N, C-alpha and C. Protein backbone atom coordinates (compact mmCIF):
# COMPACT_ATOMS: atom_id res chain seq x y z
N MET A 1 132.72 16.59 354.43
CA MET A 1 133.56 16.56 354.48
C MET A 1 134.20 16.76 353.21
N ASN A 2 134.13 16.81 351.83
CA ASN A 2 134.43 16.96 350.96
C ASN A 2 134.00 18.22 350.73
N SER A 3 133.11 19.00 351.15
CA SER A 3 132.38 20.36 351.28
C SER A 3 133.81 21.59 351.64
N LEU A 4 134.76 20.63 352.92
CA LEU A 4 135.73 21.79 353.39
C LEU A 4 137.08 21.64 352.09
N LEU A 5 136.98 20.54 351.21
CA LEU A 5 138.03 20.82 350.22
C LEU A 5 137.86 21.64 348.77
N ARG A 6 136.53 21.28 348.86
CA ARG A 6 136.15 22.55 348.03
C ARG A 6 136.34 23.86 347.90
N ARG A 7 137.29 24.62 347.07
CA ARG A 7 137.25 25.82 346.90
C ARG A 7 136.84 26.74 345.96
N PRO A 8 136.01 27.67 345.86
CA PRO A 8 135.23 28.29 344.61
C PRO A 8 135.98 28.05 343.44
N LEU A 9 135.57 28.59 342.70
CA LEU A 9 136.13 28.25 340.99
C LEU A 9 136.23 30.00 341.14
N ASP A 10 137.87 30.42 340.47
CA ASP A 10 137.60 31.44 340.15
C ASP A 10 137.26 31.91 338.52
N PRO A 11 136.18 32.63 338.63
CA PRO A 11 135.61 32.77 337.14
C PRO A 11 136.30 33.33 336.46
N THR A 12 137.76 34.01 336.66
CA THR A 12 138.56 34.37 335.41
C THR A 12 139.44 33.11 335.08
N ALA A 13 139.26 32.25 335.73
CA ALA A 13 140.19 30.74 335.71
C ALA A 13 139.97 30.40 334.11
N ARG A 14 138.19 30.57 333.87
CA ARG A 14 137.71 30.32 332.78
C ARG A 14 137.76 31.35 331.38
N ARG A 15 138.05 32.28 332.02
CA ARG A 15 138.01 33.28 330.59
C ARG A 15 139.41 33.01 329.62
N GLN A 16 138.32 33.29 328.94
CA GLN A 16 139.62 32.96 327.36
C GLN A 16 139.89 34.49 326.77
N VAL A 17 140.81 35.30 327.04
CA VAL A 17 141.21 36.81 326.64
C VAL A 17 141.72 36.72 325.33
N PHE A 18 141.74 37.51 324.40
CA PHE A 18 142.31 37.85 323.39
C PHE A 18 143.27 38.94 323.70
N TYR A 19 144.18 39.32 323.51
CA TYR A 19 145.38 40.33 323.83
C TYR A 19 145.95 40.86 322.00
N SER A 20 145.50 42.23 322.14
CA SER A 20 145.19 43.04 320.54
C SER A 20 146.83 44.07 321.24
N PHE A 21 148.08 44.06 320.76
CA PHE A 21 148.86 44.71 320.87
C PHE A 21 150.02 45.16 319.50
N HIS A 22 150.40 46.07 319.79
CA HIS A 22 151.40 46.53 318.70
C HIS A 22 152.74 45.79 318.73
N TYR A 23 153.13 44.60 317.92
CA TYR A 23 153.89 43.16 318.09
C TYR A 23 155.48 43.93 317.89
N ALA A 24 155.66 44.71 317.20
CA ALA A 24 157.34 45.04 317.02
C ALA A 24 157.68 46.11 318.13
N ASN A 25 156.37 47.07 319.10
CA ASN A 25 156.97 48.23 319.90
C ASN A 25 156.61 47.37 321.10
N ASP A 26 155.49 46.35 321.18
CA ASP A 26 154.80 46.11 322.77
C ASP A 26 154.76 44.42 322.76
N ALA A 27 155.61 43.86 322.27
CA ALA A 27 155.23 42.26 322.28
C ALA A 27 156.29 41.87 324.19
N PHE A 28 156.96 42.65 324.83
CA PHE A 28 157.61 42.10 325.94
C PHE A 28 156.57 43.11 326.69
N ARG A 29 155.78 43.97 327.47
CA ARG A 29 155.20 44.50 327.54
C ARG A 29 154.08 43.44 327.38
N ALA A 30 153.68 43.01 326.05
CA ALA A 30 152.64 42.13 326.60
C ALA A 30 152.51 40.53 327.23
N GLN A 31 154.09 40.51 327.23
CA GLN A 31 154.63 39.11 327.56
C GLN A 31 154.64 38.82 329.08
N GLN A 32 155.19 40.40 329.53
CA GLN A 32 154.94 40.59 330.82
C GLN A 32 153.99 40.22 331.67
N ILE A 33 152.89 40.78 331.23
CA ILE A 33 151.65 40.78 330.98
C ILE A 33 150.76 39.37 331.10
N ARG A 34 151.22 38.68 329.88
CA ARG A 34 150.67 37.30 330.03
C ARG A 34 151.38 36.14 330.98
N ASN A 35 152.69 36.53 331.63
CA ASN A 35 153.11 35.87 332.44
C ASN A 35 153.00 36.35 333.98
N MET A 36 152.05 37.25 334.07
CA MET A 36 151.51 37.38 335.29
C MET A 36 150.77 36.17 335.78
N GLY A 37 150.45 35.57 335.12
CA GLY A 37 149.20 34.79 336.07
C GLY A 37 148.09 34.39 335.97
N VAL A 38 147.73 35.74 335.60
CA VAL A 38 146.11 35.94 336.20
C VAL A 38 145.15 35.31 335.27
N ILE A 39 145.44 35.00 333.83
CA ILE A 39 144.71 34.65 332.87
C ILE A 39 145.26 33.13 332.92
N GLU A 40 144.88 32.21 333.67
CA GLU A 40 144.85 30.86 332.98
C GLU A 40 145.22 30.60 331.82
N GLY A 41 146.19 29.55 331.41
CA GLY A 41 146.14 28.97 329.76
C GLY A 41 145.96 29.79 328.68
N ASN A 42 146.57 31.11 328.64
CA ASN A 42 146.32 32.15 327.96
C ASN A 42 147.91 32.01 327.29
N THR A 43 147.91 30.99 326.14
CA THR A 43 149.47 31.56 325.30
C THR A 43 149.70 32.45 324.43
N PRO A 44 150.53 33.14 324.73
CA PRO A 44 150.65 33.65 323.31
C PRO A 44 151.18 33.00 322.10
N CYS A 45 151.10 33.73 320.82
CA CYS A 45 151.20 33.41 319.57
C CYS A 45 152.87 33.61 319.61
N ALA A 46 153.83 32.21 318.95
CA ALA A 46 155.08 32.16 318.57
C ALA A 46 155.24 33.42 317.45
N PRO A 47 156.69 34.28 317.74
CA PRO A 47 156.63 35.04 316.77
C PRO A 47 156.74 34.24 315.28
N ASN A 48 157.51 33.18 315.41
CA ASN A 48 157.66 32.67 313.82
C ASN A 48 156.28 32.55 313.28
N GLU A 49 155.23 31.90 313.99
CA GLU A 49 153.74 31.93 313.73
C GLU A 49 153.38 33.31 313.25
N TRP A 50 153.07 34.34 314.07
CA TRP A 50 152.61 35.60 313.33
C TRP A 50 153.42 36.03 312.10
N GLU A 51 154.45 35.60 312.08
CA GLU A 51 155.57 36.42 311.37
C GLU A 51 155.01 35.47 309.61
N ALA A 52 154.79 34.11 310.07
CA ALA A 52 154.46 32.91 308.75
C ALA A 52 152.70 33.93 308.30
N VAL A 53 152.18 34.37 309.27
CA VAL A 53 150.78 34.49 309.03
C VAL A 53 151.08 35.69 308.11
N ARG A 54 151.86 36.61 308.69
CA ARG A 54 151.71 38.24 308.05
C ARG A 54 152.38 38.04 306.87
N ARG A 55 153.54 36.87 306.19
CA ARG A 55 154.07 36.71 304.59
C ARG A 55 152.79 36.70 304.10
N GLN A 56 151.45 36.13 304.60
CA GLN A 56 150.72 35.49 303.82
C GLN A 56 149.83 36.37 303.19
N GLY A 57 149.67 37.90 303.59
CA GLY A 57 148.80 38.57 303.36
C GLY A 57 148.05 39.18 304.13
N GLU A 58 147.11 40.19 303.94
CA GLU A 58 145.80 40.70 305.16
C GLU A 58 144.97 39.76 305.12
N ALA A 59 144.41 38.91 304.14
CA ALA A 59 143.32 38.06 304.09
C ALA A 59 143.51 36.83 305.04
N ALA A 60 144.41 36.72 304.88
CA ALA A 60 145.37 35.87 306.23
C ALA A 60 145.58 35.95 307.31
N ILE A 61 146.06 37.43 307.65
CA ILE A 61 145.82 38.44 308.58
C ILE A 61 144.76 38.22 309.51
N GLN A 62 143.63 38.17 309.01
CA GLN A 62 142.45 38.82 309.19
C GLN A 62 141.64 37.56 309.55
N ARG A 63 141.69 36.58 308.61
CA ARG A 63 140.86 35.25 308.97
C ARG A 63 142.00 34.48 310.22
N TRP A 64 143.42 34.93 310.50
CA TRP A 64 143.74 34.50 311.70
C TRP A 64 142.94 34.91 313.16
N ILE A 65 142.90 36.53 312.95
CA ILE A 65 142.38 37.59 314.14
C ILE A 65 140.83 36.80 314.28
N ASP A 66 140.25 36.52 313.11
CA ASP A 66 138.83 36.29 313.32
C ASP A 66 138.84 35.03 314.13
N GLN A 67 139.58 33.84 313.86
CA GLN A 67 139.86 32.59 313.99
C GLN A 67 140.28 32.52 315.75
N THR A 68 141.52 33.48 315.86
CA THR A 68 142.07 33.60 316.97
C THR A 68 140.90 34.20 318.29
N MET A 69 140.09 34.97 317.82
CA MET A 69 139.30 35.87 318.65
C MET A 69 137.95 35.14 319.15
N GLN A 70 137.78 34.37 318.27
CA GLN A 70 136.31 33.08 318.03
C GLN A 70 136.16 32.87 319.26
N TYR A 71 137.01 32.31 320.26
CA TYR A 71 136.21 31.78 321.26
C TYR A 71 136.76 32.50 322.69
N ARG A 72 137.02 33.78 322.33
CA ARG A 72 137.26 34.43 323.71
C ARG A 72 136.38 35.83 324.10
N SER A 73 135.99 35.37 325.45
CA SER A 73 135.03 36.30 325.96
C SER A 73 135.25 37.61 326.36
N CYS A 74 136.69 37.93 326.20
CA CYS A 74 136.96 39.42 326.25
C CYS A 74 138.55 39.96 325.42
N VAL A 75 138.46 41.25 325.25
CA VAL A 75 139.75 41.76 324.37
C VAL A 75 140.35 42.82 325.37
N VAL A 76 141.48 41.99 325.28
CA VAL A 76 142.01 43.60 326.30
C VAL A 76 143.48 43.84 325.27
N VAL A 77 143.13 45.74 324.83
CA VAL A 77 144.36 46.21 324.50
C VAL A 77 145.17 47.13 324.80
N LEU A 78 146.74 46.34 324.95
CA LEU A 78 147.45 46.62 325.67
C LEU A 78 148.03 47.87 324.87
N VAL A 79 147.85 49.25 325.36
CA VAL A 79 148.27 50.42 324.71
C VAL A 79 149.48 50.89 324.73
N GLY A 80 150.07 50.61 323.92
CA GLY A 80 151.79 51.60 323.80
C GLY A 80 151.86 53.07 323.11
N SER A 81 152.79 53.52 322.85
CA SER A 81 153.12 54.74 322.34
C SER A 81 152.34 54.78 320.58
N GLN A 82 152.21 53.49 319.97
CA GLN A 82 151.90 53.15 318.55
C GLN A 82 150.58 52.68 318.34
N THR A 83 150.19 52.37 319.49
CA THR A 83 148.96 51.28 319.46
C THR A 83 147.74 52.18 318.43
N ALA A 84 147.35 53.37 318.67
CA ALA A 84 146.47 53.59 318.31
C ALA A 84 146.43 53.61 316.56
N GLN A 85 147.61 53.83 316.01
CA GLN A 85 147.82 53.93 314.66
C GLN A 85 148.01 52.70 314.02
N ARG A 86 147.76 52.19 314.69
CA ARG A 86 147.97 50.35 313.64
C ARG A 86 146.70 50.07 313.56
N PRO A 87 146.58 49.63 312.38
CA PRO A 87 145.06 49.37 311.34
C PRO A 87 144.64 48.04 312.06
N TRP A 88 145.58 46.89 312.76
CA TRP A 88 144.93 45.39 312.75
C TRP A 88 144.68 45.57 314.09
N ILE A 89 144.86 46.82 314.84
CA ILE A 89 144.23 46.74 316.19
C ILE A 89 142.92 47.48 315.93
N ASP A 90 143.18 48.08 314.95
CA ASP A 90 141.67 49.21 314.80
C ASP A 90 140.50 48.21 314.61
N TYR A 91 141.29 46.76 313.45
CA TYR A 91 140.17 46.68 313.43
C TYR A 91 139.49 45.49 314.20
N GLU A 92 140.23 44.99 315.46
CA GLU A 92 140.52 43.77 316.57
C GLU A 92 139.24 44.67 317.07
N ILE A 93 139.64 45.87 317.59
CA ILE A 93 138.51 46.62 318.38
C ILE A 93 137.51 46.80 317.93
N ARG A 94 136.97 46.90 316.60
CA ARG A 94 135.58 47.14 315.68
C ARG A 94 135.60 45.68 315.97
N LYS A 95 136.19 44.45 315.32
CA LYS A 95 135.54 43.08 315.80
C LYS A 95 135.27 42.52 317.33
N ALA A 96 135.57 43.12 318.21
CA ALA A 96 135.43 42.67 319.78
C ALA A 96 133.82 43.60 319.70
N TRP A 97 133.69 44.97 319.21
CA TRP A 97 132.37 45.42 319.79
C TRP A 97 131.65 45.05 319.12
N ASN A 98 131.86 45.02 317.81
CA ASN A 98 130.57 43.95 316.92
C ASN A 98 130.05 43.01 317.48
N ASP A 99 131.11 41.90 317.83
CA ASP A 99 130.32 40.58 318.51
C ASP A 99 130.14 40.72 319.77
N LYS A 100 130.61 41.97 320.42
CA LYS A 100 129.54 42.09 321.98
C LYS A 100 130.64 41.53 322.72
N ARG A 101 132.03 41.15 322.28
CA ARG A 101 132.90 40.59 323.68
C ARG A 101 133.13 42.07 324.23
N GLY A 102 133.66 41.54 326.10
CA GLY A 102 134.42 42.67 326.89
C GLY A 102 135.02 43.04 326.00
N LEU A 103 135.49 44.75 326.55
CA LEU A 103 136.52 45.30 325.58
C LEU A 103 136.75 46.26 326.59
N PHE A 104 138.36 46.08 326.66
CA PHE A 104 139.06 47.91 327.72
C PHE A 104 140.69 47.58 327.27
N GLY A 105 140.98 48.89 327.26
CA GLY A 105 142.38 48.90 327.28
C GLY A 105 143.15 49.16 328.37
N ILE A 106 144.66 48.74 328.33
CA ILE A 106 145.35 49.15 329.22
C ILE A 106 146.60 49.66 328.95
N TYR A 107 147.01 50.94 329.29
CA TYR A 107 148.29 51.96 328.81
C TYR A 107 149.33 51.19 329.88
N VAL A 108 150.35 50.51 328.40
CA VAL A 108 151.40 50.22 328.98
C VAL A 108 152.69 50.25 329.06
N HIS A 109 152.58 51.92 329.16
CA HIS A 109 154.21 52.76 328.76
C HIS A 109 154.57 52.31 330.14
N ASN A 110 154.22 52.53 331.20
CA ASN A 110 155.32 52.18 331.92
C ASN A 110 155.78 51.01 332.93
N LEU A 111 155.50 49.69 332.01
CA LEU A 111 156.17 48.80 331.74
C LEU A 111 157.60 48.67 331.14
N ASN A 112 158.43 47.85 331.35
CA ASN A 112 159.93 48.57 331.16
C ASN A 112 160.07 47.32 330.10
N CYS A 113 160.51 47.44 328.89
CA CYS A 113 161.03 46.45 327.71
C CYS A 113 162.32 46.87 328.04
N PRO A 114 163.66 45.20 327.99
CA PRO A 114 164.53 45.03 328.21
C PRO A 114 165.38 46.41 326.97
N ARG A 115 164.49 45.72 326.03
CA ARG A 115 164.84 46.15 324.64
C ARG A 115 164.82 48.32 323.93
N GLN A 116 163.87 48.75 324.25
CA GLN A 116 163.14 49.54 324.50
C GLN A 116 162.74 50.56 325.62
N GLY A 117 163.14 50.10 326.59
CA GLY A 117 162.92 51.05 327.71
C GLY A 117 161.42 50.58 328.05
N PHE A 118 161.19 52.51 328.82
CA PHE A 118 159.92 52.65 328.57
C PHE A 118 159.30 53.63 327.73
N CYS A 119 158.27 53.29 327.31
CA CYS A 119 157.75 54.08 326.25
C CYS A 119 156.87 55.31 326.69
N TYR A 120 156.57 56.45 325.62
CA TYR A 120 155.71 57.73 326.24
C TYR A 120 154.13 56.95 326.15
N GLN A 121 153.20 57.70 326.99
CA GLN A 121 151.78 57.45 326.51
C GLN A 121 150.99 57.68 325.27
N GLY A 122 150.75 56.11 324.33
CA GLY A 122 150.10 56.61 323.43
C GLY A 122 148.70 57.17 323.27
N ALA A 123 148.21 57.53 322.41
CA ALA A 123 146.65 57.67 322.46
C ALA A 123 145.97 56.79 322.53
N ASN A 124 144.75 56.62 322.77
CA ASN A 124 143.49 56.19 323.24
C ASN A 124 142.98 55.91 321.79
N PRO A 125 143.31 54.57 321.78
CA PRO A 125 142.90 53.70 320.31
C PRO A 125 141.32 53.31 320.65
N PHE A 126 140.53 53.81 321.52
CA PHE A 126 138.90 53.93 321.22
C PHE A 126 138.33 54.89 320.88
N ALA A 127 139.01 56.30 320.66
CA ALA A 127 138.67 57.24 319.99
C ALA A 127 138.46 57.71 318.77
N ASN A 128 139.38 56.43 318.17
CA ASN A 128 139.64 56.06 316.69
C ASN A 128 138.58 55.72 316.07
N VAL A 129 137.42 55.12 317.25
CA VAL A 129 136.52 54.80 316.47
C VAL A 129 135.28 55.05 316.65
N ILE A 130 134.62 55.44 315.59
CA ILE A 130 133.32 56.71 315.75
C ILE A 130 132.23 55.94 315.88
N LEU A 131 131.05 55.92 316.71
CA LEU A 131 129.84 54.73 316.75
C LEU A 131 128.81 55.70 315.67
N ASN A 132 127.78 54.88 315.39
CA ASN A 132 126.33 55.10 314.70
C ASN A 132 126.02 56.34 315.20
N ASN A 133 126.00 56.41 316.42
CA ASN A 133 125.70 57.50 317.26
C ASN A 133 126.47 58.76 317.21
N GLY A 134 127.64 58.91 316.58
CA GLY A 134 128.80 60.01 316.48
C GLY A 134 128.96 60.15 317.41
N GLN A 135 129.27 59.35 318.50
CA GLN A 135 130.22 58.78 319.73
C GLN A 135 131.70 58.68 319.44
N PRO A 136 132.60 58.96 319.54
CA PRO A 136 133.86 58.20 320.22
C PRO A 136 133.35 56.59 320.90
N LEU A 137 134.24 55.85 320.65
CA LEU A 137 134.06 54.52 321.65
C LEU A 137 134.28 54.61 322.56
N SER A 138 135.67 55.42 323.33
CA SER A 138 136.01 56.09 324.09
C SER A 138 135.15 56.40 324.83
N ASN A 139 134.22 56.81 324.58
CA ASN A 139 132.86 57.09 325.61
C ASN A 139 132.32 56.09 326.19
N TYR A 140 132.83 54.74 325.95
CA TYR A 140 131.73 53.91 326.16
C TYR A 140 132.67 52.65 326.88
N VAL A 141 134.54 52.13 326.47
CA VAL A 141 135.21 51.34 326.55
C VAL A 141 136.18 52.10 327.60
N SER A 142 136.52 51.31 328.55
CA SER A 142 137.48 51.79 329.51
C SER A 142 139.04 51.93 329.03
N CYS A 143 139.69 52.81 329.28
CA CYS A 143 141.13 52.29 328.98
C CYS A 143 142.04 52.90 330.49
N HIS A 144 142.40 51.75 330.94
CA HIS A 144 142.84 51.98 332.02
C HIS A 144 144.54 52.18 331.91
N ASP A 145 145.23 53.41 333.02
CA ASP A 145 145.74 53.78 333.47
C ASP A 145 146.67 53.39 334.74
N PRO A 146 147.07 52.13 334.86
CA PRO A 146 147.61 51.98 336.02
C PRO A 146 148.93 52.80 336.90
N GLY A 147 149.34 53.90 336.33
CA GLY A 147 150.48 54.29 336.77
C GLY A 147 151.80 54.01 336.89
N PRO A 148 152.59 54.48 337.47
CA PRO A 148 154.04 54.07 338.09
C PRO A 148 154.38 52.38 338.34
N ASP A 149 153.58 52.05 339.20
CA ASP A 149 153.72 50.49 339.42
C ASP A 149 153.00 49.88 338.82
N ALA A 150 153.28 49.96 337.41
CA ALA A 150 152.01 49.09 336.56
C ALA A 150 152.27 47.95 336.55
N TYR A 151 153.35 46.96 336.58
CA TYR A 151 153.13 45.92 336.90
C TYR A 151 152.17 45.11 338.09
N ASN A 152 152.37 45.77 339.15
CA ASN A 152 151.49 45.46 340.37
C ASN A 152 150.07 45.58 340.35
N VAL A 153 149.54 46.97 339.91
CA VAL A 153 148.53 47.23 339.55
C VAL A 153 147.35 46.06 338.42
N VAL A 154 148.31 46.26 337.45
CA VAL A 154 147.84 45.12 336.23
C VAL A 154 147.36 44.10 336.89
N ARG A 155 148.60 43.66 337.62
CA ARG A 155 148.50 42.02 338.27
C ARG A 155 147.56 41.91 339.25
N ARG A 156 147.06 42.96 340.13
CA ARG A 156 146.16 42.80 341.21
C ARG A 156 144.67 43.42 340.45
N MET A 157 144.54 44.08 339.40
CA MET A 157 143.51 44.39 338.84
C MET A 157 142.86 43.50 337.66
N MET A 158 143.76 42.76 336.84
CA MET A 158 143.36 42.21 335.42
C MET A 158 141.62 41.38 335.76
N SER A 159 142.12 40.86 336.94
CA SER A 159 140.32 40.27 336.89
C SER A 159 139.59 40.67 337.21
N THR A 160 139.93 41.67 337.56
CA THR A 160 138.44 42.82 337.68
C THR A 160 138.23 43.56 336.64
N TRP A 161 138.91 44.04 336.02
CA TRP A 161 138.82 44.44 334.60
C TRP A 161 138.24 43.68 333.47
N ILE A 162 138.67 42.99 333.34
CA ILE A 162 138.02 41.48 332.91
C ILE A 162 136.50 41.23 333.00
N GLU A 163 136.43 40.76 334.26
CA GLU A 163 135.00 40.89 334.85
C GLU A 163 134.26 41.97 334.90
N THR A 164 134.55 43.48 334.66
CA THR A 164 134.11 44.39 334.33
C THR A 164 133.46 44.29 333.10
N ALA A 165 134.51 44.57 332.38
CA ALA A 165 134.17 44.35 330.64
C ALA A 165 133.29 43.24 330.18
N ILE A 166 133.25 42.27 330.39
CA ILE A 166 132.42 41.49 330.12
C ILE A 166 130.58 41.61 330.81
N ARG A 167 131.04 41.85 331.56
CA ARG A 167 129.42 42.22 332.77
C ARG A 167 128.90 43.68 331.91
N THR A 168 129.79 44.85 331.68
CA THR A 168 129.16 45.84 330.80
C THR A 168 129.69 45.93 329.45
N LYS A 169 129.45 45.00 328.64
CA LYS A 169 129.72 44.80 326.98
C LYS A 169 128.75 45.19 326.19
N ARG A 170 128.65 45.79 325.13
CA ARG A 170 127.56 46.42 324.44
C ARG A 170 126.54 45.30 324.39
N GLN A 171 125.56 45.69 324.57
CA GLN A 171 124.15 44.40 324.87
C GLN A 171 123.82 43.99 323.62
């Protein structure tokens, strides 16, 4: 009788995901993705917390990233128009790869921001990382373009993308 009441656990419900994004340009787009409810218990950093860390300097930012990423199984890079030029996003990508975490990107240019509207599709930030074999990381890490129906596609595909990234992470 109890077996009828049990439902299989969703593996992504236990996943701890770190979102990497350009805060100034894409915070609202990132918030839309977080609010989809696909990943349970994924609370964003409050703006005042981030500003307090940022004011303390580069060592504090690096320490905050390292501590926040510590128990995450996957890093999701939300790629906006300027993401590929951001040094801390580059650091987060390299750290995720070196720590052998699941890693992938999602282009967010088709998510509307009430302050800035839509943006243009930015460059793939994984192309900036050149591996020891001379190949760009973009040859190994996916960056998904959900197209004009971005919100619904991301909502539908996020769990699959996370599980695929974790399953195919650097060994």
